[in-house]
Amino acid sequence: MQMMRLRGVWTTNAAAVLFGAGMFMSFVLVPMFVELPTTTSYGFGASITRAGLYLVPSVLAMVAFSEPSRV
């Protein structure tokens, strides 16, 4: 716990938690939003498959910008 006193450690941990929560929210909320009927005036009325396809750009970005494993 003494390491948490270092500013670099706790800011890195806080940024990682916020980034992880944002990614989790995007993978939960985007499909729900896309699948809402168009009568709600803010949904797209997409099928489950099409809602999954809306996530493809973010998945490709994660693959492209991920750090390669060093074995």
PDB file of N, CA and C in Angstrom:
ATOM      1  N   MET A   1       0.813  -1.206   0.000  1.00  0.00           N
ATOM      2  CA  MET A   1       0.000   0.000   0.000  1.00  0.00           C
ATOM      3  C   MET A   1       0.856   1.269   0.000  1.00  0.00           C
ATOM      4  N   GLN A   2       2.130   1.127   0.342  1.00  0.00           N
ATOM      5  CA  GLN A   2       2.987   2.308   0.345  1.00  0.00           C
ATOM      6  C   GLN A   2       3.196   2.838  -1.066  1.00  0.00           C
ATOM      7  N   MET A   3       3.096   1.950  -2.061  1.00  0.00           N
ATOM      8  CA  MET A   3       3.275   2.402  -3.438  1.00  0.00           C
ATOM      9  C   MET A   3       2.149   3.333  -3.870  1.00  0.00           C
ATOM     10  N   MET A   4       0.975   3.189  -3.280  1.00  0.00           N
ATOM     11  CA  MET A   4      -0.147   4.042  -3.661  1.00  0.00           C
ATOM     12  C   MET A   4       0.077   5.500  -3.263  1.00  0.00           C
ATOM     13  N   ARG A   5       1.080   5.757  -2.453  1.00  0.00           N
ATOM     14  CA  ARG A   5       1.401   7.140  -2.103  1.00  0.00           C
ATOM     15  C   ARG A   5       2.094   7.869  -3.246  1.00  0.00           C
ATOM     16  N   LEU A   6       2.670   7.106  -4.170  1.00  0.00           N
ATOM     17  CA  LEU A   6       3.353   7.710  -5.312  1.00  0.00           C
ATOM     18  C   LEU A   6       2.324   8.179  -6.327  1.00  0.00           C
ATOM     19  N   ARG A   7       2.491   9.425  -6.750  1.00  0.00           N
ATOM     20  CA  ARG A   7       1.507  10.013  -7.658  1.00  0.00           C
ATOM     21  C   ARG A   7       1.400   9.242  -8.973  1.00  0.00           C
ATOM     22  N   GLY A   8       2.504   8.815  -9.518  1.00  0.00           N
ATOM     23  CA  GLY A   8       2.483   8.085 -10.783  1.00  0.00           C
ATOM     24  C   GLY A   8       1.739   6.766 -10.697  1.00  0.00           C
ATOM     25  N   VAL A   9       1.801   6.126  -9.543  1.00  0.00           N
ATOM     26  CA  VAL A   9       1.139   4.828  -9.370  1.00  0.00           C
ATOM     27  C   VAL A   9      -0.366   5.008  -9.279  1.00  0.00           C
ATOM     28  N   TRP A  10      -0.826   5.900  -8.425  1.00  0.00           N
ATOM     29  CA  TRP A  10      -2.282   5.999  -8.255  1.00  0.00           C
ATOM     30  C   TRP A  10      -2.959   6.657  -9.446  1.00  0.00           C
ATOM     31  N   THR A  11      -2.273   7.573 -10.143  1.00  0.00           N
ATOM     32  CA  THR A  11      -2.899   8.150 -11.334  1.00  0.00           C
ATOM     33  C   THR A  11      -2.982   7.130 -12.466  1.00  0.00           C
ATOM     34  N   THR A  12      -1.967   6.276 -12.590  1.00  0.00           N
ATOM     35  CA  THR A  12      -2.022   5.214 -13.591  1.00  0.00           C
ATOM     36  C   THR A  12      -3.143   4.241 -13.276  1.00  0.00           C
ATOM     37  N   ASN A  13      -3.277   3.866 -12.017  1.00  0.00           N
ATOM     38  CA  ASN A  13      -4.353   2.957 -11.619  1.00  0.00           C
ATOM     39  C   ASN A  13      -5.728   3.582 -11.824  1.00  0.00           C
ATOM     40  N   ALA A  14      -5.867   4.849 -11.503  1.00  0.00           N
ATOM     41  CA  ALA A  14      -7.156   5.522 -11.686  1.00  0.00           C
ATOM     42  C   ALA A  14      -7.506   5.620 -13.171  1.00  0.00           C
ATOM     43  N   ALA A  15      -6.525   5.933 -14.000  1.00  0.00           N
ATOM     44  CA  ALA A  15      -6.770   6.007 -15.443  1.00  0.00           C
ATOM     45  C   ALA A  15      -7.149   4.642 -15.996  1.00  0.00           C
ATOM     46  N   ALA A  16      -6.496   3.585 -15.525  1.00  0.00           N
ATOM     47  CA  ALA A  16      -6.809   2.234 -15.991  1.00  0.00           C
ATOM     48  C   ALA A  16      -8.219   1.826 -15.595  1.00  0.00           C
ATOM     49  N   VAL A  17      -8.638   2.166 -14.393  1.00  0.00           N
ATOM     50  CA  VAL A  17      -9.996   1.834 -13.948  1.00  0.00           C
ATOM     51  C   VAL A  17     -11.028   2.589 -14.778  1.00  0.00           C
ATOM     52  N   LEU A  18     -10.805   3.875 -15.006  1.00  0.00           N
ATOM     53  CA  LEU A  18     -11.749   4.666 -15.801  1.00  0.00           C
ATOM     54  C   LEU A  18     -11.805   4.189 -17.246  1.00  0.00           C
ATOM     55  N   PHE A  19     -10.657   3.871 -17.825  1.00  0.00           N
ATOM     56  CA  PHE A  19     -10.619   3.381 -19.198  1.00  0.00           C
ATOM     57  C   PHE A  19     -11.319   2.028 -19.312  1.00  0.00           C
ATOM     58  N   GLY A  20     -11.062   1.141 -18.361  1.00  0.00           N
ATOM     59  CA  GLY A  20     -11.710  -0.171 -18.366  1.00  0.00           C
ATOM     60  C   GLY A  20     -13.216  -0.060 -18.190  1.00  0.00           C
ATOM     61  N   ALA A  21     -13.661   0.823 -17.306  1.00  0.00           N
ATOM     62  CA  ALA A  21     -15.099   1.017 -17.112  1.00  0.00           C
ATOM     63  C   ALA A  21     -15.742   1.592 -18.369  1.00  0.00           C
ATOM     64  N   GLY A  22     -15.056   2.499 -19.033  1.00  0.00           N
ATOM     65  CA  GLY A  22     -15.583   3.064 -20.276  1.00  0.00           C
ATOM     66  C   GLY A  22     -15.708   2.024 -21.368  1.00  0.00           C
ATOM     67  N   MET A  23     -14.709   1.150 -21.490  1.00  0.00           N
ATOM     68  CA  MET A  23     -14.787   0.090 -22.497  1.00  0.00           C
ATOM     69  C   MET A  23     -15.912  -0.879 -22.176  1.00  0.00           C
ATOM     70  N   PHE A  24     -16.055  -1.234 -20.904  1.00  0.00           N
ATOM     71  CA  PHE A  24     -17.135  -2.138 -20.511  1.00  0.00           C
ATOM     72  C   PHE A  24     -18.493  -1.516 -20.823  1.00  0.00           C
ATOM     73  N   MET A  25     -18.646  -0.249 -20.483  1.00  0.00           N
ATOM     74  CA  MET A  25     -19.910   0.440 -20.754  1.00  0.00           C
ATOM     75  C   MET A  25     -20.211   0.488 -22.248  1.00  0.00           C
ATOM     76  N   SER A  26     -19.183   0.718 -23.054  1.00  0.00           N
ATOM     77  CA  SER A  26     -19.432   0.788 -24.492  1.00  0.00           C
ATOM     78  C   SER A  26     -19.883  -0.549 -25.050  1.00  0.00           C
ATOM     79  N   PHE A  27     -19.323  -1.637 -24.566  1.00  0.00           N
ATOM     80  CA  PHE A  27     -19.715  -2.947 -25.070  1.00  0.00           C
ATOM     81  C   PHE A  27     -21.055  -3.402 -24.531  1.00  0.00           C
ATOM     82  N   VAL A  28     -21.554  -2.778 -23.490  1.00  0.00           N
ATOM     83  CA  VAL A  28     -22.882  -3.118 -22.960  1.00  0.00           C
ATOM     84  C   VAL A  28     -23.943  -2.170 -23.515  1.00  0.00           C
ATOM     85  N   LEU A  29     -23.648  -0.876 -23.517  1.00  0.00           N
ATOM     86  CA  LEU A  29     -24.664   0.111 -23.859  1.00  0.00           C
ATOM     87  C   LEU A  29     -24.852   0.333 -25.355  1.00  0.00           C
ATOM     88  N   VAL A  30     -23.800   0.214 -26.149  1.00  0.00           N
ATOM     89  CA  VAL A  30     -23.939   0.442 -27.597  1.00  0.00           C
ATOM     90  C   VAL A  30     -24.904  -0.557 -28.221  1.00  0.00           C
ATOM     91  N   PRO A  31     -24.763  -1.874 -27.974  1.00  0.00           N
ATOM     92  CA  PRO A  31     -25.742  -2.790 -28.560  1.00  0.00           C
ATOM     93  C   PRO A  31     -27.174  -2.539 -28.073  1.00  0.00           C
ATOM     94  N   MET A  32     -27.323  -2.196 -26.806  1.00  0.00           N
ATOM     95  CA  MET A  32     -28.670  -1.910 -26.296  1.00  0.00           C
ATOM     96  C   MET A  32     -29.260  -0.682 -26.999  1.00  0.00           C
ATOM     97  N   PHE A  33     -28.458   0.337 -27.188  1.00  0.00           N
ATOM     98  CA  PHE A  33     -28.912   1.550 -27.859  1.00  0.00           C
ATOM     99  C   PHE A  33     -29.264   1.277 -29.316  1.00  0.00           C
ATOM    100  N   VAL A  34     -28.429   0.505 -30.000  1.00  0.00           N
ATOM    101  CA  VAL A  34     -28.630   0.226 -31.426  1.00  0.00           C
ATOM    102  C   VAL A  34     -29.872  -0.634 -31.648  1.00  0.00           C
ATOM    103  N   GLU A  35     -30.181  -1.525 -30.712  1.00  0.00           N
ATOM    104  CA  GLU A  35     -31.315  -2.425 -30.869  1.00  0.00           C
ATOM    105  C   GLU A  35     -32.663  -1.787 -30.523  1.00  0.00           C
ATOM    106  N   LEU A  36     -32.670  -0.608 -29.933  1.00  0.00           N
ATOM    107  CA  LEU A  36     -33.938   0.036 -29.596  1.00  0.00           C
ATOM    108  C   LEU A  36     -34.740   0.328 -30.857  1.00  0.00           C
ATOM    109  N   PRO A  37     -36.048   0.212 -30.799  1.00  0.00           N
ATOM    110  CA  PRO A  37     -36.855   0.479 -31.997  1.00  0.00           C
ATOM    111  C   PRO A  37     -36.758   1.941 -32.429  1.00  0.00           C
ATOM    112  N   THR A  38     -36.976   2.170 -33.698  1.00  0.00           N
ATOM    113  CA  THR A  38     -36.887   3.535 -34.228  1.00  0.00           C
ATOM    114  C   THR A  38     -38.027   4.409 -33.724  1.00  0.00           C
ATOM    115  N   THR A  39     -39.085   3.820 -33.208  1.00  0.00           N
ATOM    116  CA  THR A  39     -40.205   4.613 -32.685  1.00  0.00           C
ATOM    117  C   THR A  39     -39.818   5.394 -31.439  1.00  0.00           C
ATOM    118  N   THR A  40     -38.716   5.005 -30.787  1.00  0.00           N
ATOM    119  CA  THR A  40     -38.267   5.759 -29.615  1.00  0.00           C
ATOM    120  C   THR A  40     -37.559   7.045 -30.010  1.00  0.00           C
ATOM    121  N   SER A  41     -37.311   7.235 -31.289  1.00  0.00           N
ATOM    122  CA  SER A  41     -36.655   8.401 -31.902  1.00  0.00           C
ATOM    123  C   SER A  41     -35.173   8.516 -31.569  1.00  0.00           C
ATOM    124  N   TYR A  42     -34.578   7.530 -30.915  1.00  0.00           N
ATOM    125  CA  TYR A  42     -33.126   7.535 -30.749  1.00  0.00           C
ATOM    126  C   TYR A  42     -32.525   6.150 -30.905  1.00  0.00           C
ATOM    127  N   GLY A  43     -33.302   5.136 -31.196  1.00  0.00           N
ATOM    128  CA  GLY A  43     -32.769   3.812 -31.479  1.00  0.00           C
ATOM    129  C   GLY A  43     -32.668   3.591 -32.976  1.00  0.00           C
ATOM    130  N   PHE A  44     -31.909   2.564 -33.372  1.00  0.00           N
ATOM    131  CA  PHE A  44     -31.744   2.254 -34.787  1.00  0.00           C
ATOM    132  C   PHE A  44     -32.611   1.089 -35.234  1.00  0.00           C
ATOM    133  N   GLY A  45     -33.170   0.339 -34.297  1.00  0.00           N
ATOM    134  CA  GLY A  45     -34.010  -0.806 -34.646  1.00  0.00           C
ATOM    135  C   GLY A  45     -33.231  -1.915 -35.318  1.00  0.00           C
ATOM    136  N   ALA A  46     -31.987  -2.093 -34.971  1.00  0.00           N
ATOM    137  CA  ALA A  46     -31.130  -3.095 -35.609  1.00  0.00           C
ATOM    138  C   ALA A  46     -31.329  -4.463 -34.971  1.00  0.00           C
ATOM    139  N   SER A  47     -30.959  -5.483 -35.720  1.00  0.00           N
ATOM    140  CA  SER A  47     -31.006  -6.845 -35.191  1.00  0.00           C
ATOM    141  C   SER A  47     -29.802  -7.069 -34.275  1.00  0.00           C
ATOM    142  N   ILE A  48     -29.766  -8.233 -33.639  1.00  0.00           N
ATOM    143  CA  ILE A  48     -28.652  -8.550 -32.743  1.00  0.00           C
ATOM    144  C   ILE A  48     -27.350  -8.637 -33.528  1.00  0.00           C
ATOM    145  N   THR A  49     -27.404  -9.254 -34.701  1.00  0.00           N
ATOM    146  CA  THR A  49     -26.203  -9.389 -35.523  1.00  0.00           C
ATOM    147  C   THR A  49     -25.690  -8.025 -35.970  1.00  0.00           C
ATOM    148  N   ARG A  50     -26.586  -7.182 -36.405  1.00  0.00           N
ATOM    149  CA  ARG A  50     -26.180  -5.847 -36.856  1.00  0.00           C
ATOM    150  C   ARG A  50     -25.638  -5.020 -35.693  1.00  0.00           C
ATOM    151  N   ALA A  51     -26.212  -5.188 -34.514  1.00  0.00           N
ATOM    152  CA  ALA A  51     -25.699  -4.486 -33.338  1.00  0.00           C
ATOM    153  C   ALA A  51     -24.282  -4.939 -33.022  1.00  0.00           C
ATOM    154  N   GLY A  52     -24.008  -6.222 -33.214  1.00  0.00           N
ATOM    155  CA  GLY A  52     -22.648  -6.714 -33.021  1.00  0.00           C
ATOM    156  C   GLY A  52     -21.688  -6.145 -34.043  1.00  0.00           C
ATOM    157  N   LEU A  53     -22.172  -5.936 -35.259  1.00  0.00           N
ATOM    158  CA  LEU A  53     -21.310  -5.370 -36.297  1.00  0.00           C
ATOM    159  C   LEU A  53     -20.946  -3.914 -36.011  1.00  0.00           C
ATOM    160  N   TYR A  54     -21.762  -3.224 -35.244  1.00  0.00           N
ATOM    161  CA  TYR A  54     -21.426  -1.851 -34.855  1.00  0.00           C
ATOM    162  C   TYR A  54     -20.205  -1.811 -33.934  1.00  0.00           C
ATOM    163  N   LEU A  55     -19.902  -2.922 -33.291  1.00  0.00           N
ATOM    164  CA  LEU A  55     -18.749  -2.976 -32.393  1.00  0.00           C
ATOM    165  C   LEU A  55     -17.449  -3.327 -33.112  1.00  0.00           C
ATOM    166  N   VAL A  56     -17.523  -3.737 -34.361  1.00  0.00           N
ATOM    167  CA  VAL A  56     -16.332  -4.173 -35.094  1.00  0.00           C
ATOM    168  C   VAL A  56     -15.260  -3.079 -35.179  1.00  0.00           C
ATOM    169  N   PRO A  57     -15.585  -1.819 -35.475  1.00  0.00           N
ATOM    170  CA  PRO A  57     -14.515  -0.804 -35.523  1.00  0.00           C
ATOM    171  C   PRO A  57     -13.757  -0.648 -34.203  1.00  0.00           C
ATOM    172  N   SER A  58     -14.450  -0.715 -33.086  1.00  0.00           N
ATOM    173  CA  SER A  58     -13.747  -0.583 -31.812  1.00  0.00           C
ATOM    174  C   SER A  58     -12.887  -1.810 -31.526  1.00  0.00           C
ATOM    175  N   VAL A  59     -13.345  -2.977 -31.918  1.00  0.00           N
ATOM    176  CA  VAL A  59     -12.545  -4.185 -31.737  1.00  0.00           C
ATOM    177  C   VAL A  59     -11.293  -4.121 -32.606  1.00  0.00           C
ATOM    178  N   LEU A  60     -11.431  -3.691 -33.844  1.00  0.00           N
ATOM    179  CA  LEU A  60     -10.271  -3.572 -34.729  1.00  0.00           C
ATOM    180  C   LEU A  60      -9.273  -2.537 -34.203  1.00  0.00           C
ATOM    181  N   ALA A  61      -9.782  -1.455 -33.635  1.00  0.00           N
ATOM    182  CA  ALA A  61      -8.888  -0.451 -33.056  1.00  0.00           C
ATOM    183  C   ALA A  61      -8.135  -1.026 -31.860  1.00  0.00           C
ATOM    184  N   MET A  62      -8.806  -1.819 -31.041  1.00  0.00           N
ATOM    185  CA  MET A  62      -8.122  -2.433 -29.901  1.00  0.00           C
ATOM    186  C   MET A  62      -7.043  -3.403 -30.365  1.00  0.00           C
ATOM    187  N   VAL A  63      -7.327  -4.162 -31.412  1.00  0.00           N
ATOM    188  CA  VAL A  63      -6.327  -5.093 -31.943  1.00  0.00           C
ATOM    189  C   VAL A  63      -5.149  -4.318 -32.532  1.00  0.00           C
ATOM    190  N   ALA A  64      -5.428  -3.264 -33.253  1.00  0.00           N
ATOM    191  CA  ALA A  64      -4.368  -2.499 -33.902  1.00  0.00           C
ATOM    192  C   ALA A  64      -3.471  -1.776 -32.905  1.00  0.00           C
ATOM    193  N   PHE A  65      -4.035  -1.280 -31.816  1.00  0.00           N
ATOM    194  CA  PHE A  65      -3.264  -0.488 -30.875  1.00  0.00           C
ATOM    195  C   PHE A  65      -2.815  -1.255 -29.630  1.00  0.00           C
ATOM    196  N   SER A  66      -3.097  -2.551 -29.594  1.00  0.00           N
ATOM    197  CA  SER A  66      -2.679  -3.326 -28.426  1.00  0.00           C
ATOM    198  C   SER A  66      -1.179  -3.575 -28.479  1.00  0.00           C
ATOM    199  N   GLU A  67      -0.608  -3.756 -27.331  1.00  0.00           N
ATOM    200  CA  GLU A  67       0.822  -4.006 -27.245  1.00  0.00           C
ATOM    201  C   GLU A  67       1.063  -5.483 -27.532  1.00  0.00           C
ATOM    202  N   PRO A  68       1.992  -5.781 -28.413  1.00  0.00           N
ATOM    203  CA  PRO A  68       2.263  -7.193 -28.701  1.00  0.00           C
ATOM    204  C   PRO A  68       2.902  -7.872 -27.496  1.00  0.00           C
ATOM    205  N   SER A  69       2.570  -9.125 -27.295  1.00  0.00           N
ATOM    206  CA  SER A  69       3.132  -9.842 -26.156  1.00  0.00           C
ATOM    207  C   SER A  69       4.604 -10.149 -26.425  1.00  0.00           C
ATOM    208  N   ARG A  70       5.369 -10.060 -25.385  1.00  0.00           N
ATOM    209  CA  ARG A  70       6.810 -10.313 -25.489  1.00  0.00           C
ATOM    210  C   ARG A  70       7.102 -11.636 -24.798  1.00  0.00           C
ATOM    211  N   VAL A  71       7.281 -12.633 -25.610  1.00  0.00           N
ATOM    212  CA  VAL A  71       7.529 -13.967 -25.057  1.00  0.00           C
ATOM    213  C   VAL A  71       8.975 -14.325 -25.232  1.00  0.00           C
TER     214      VAL A  71
END
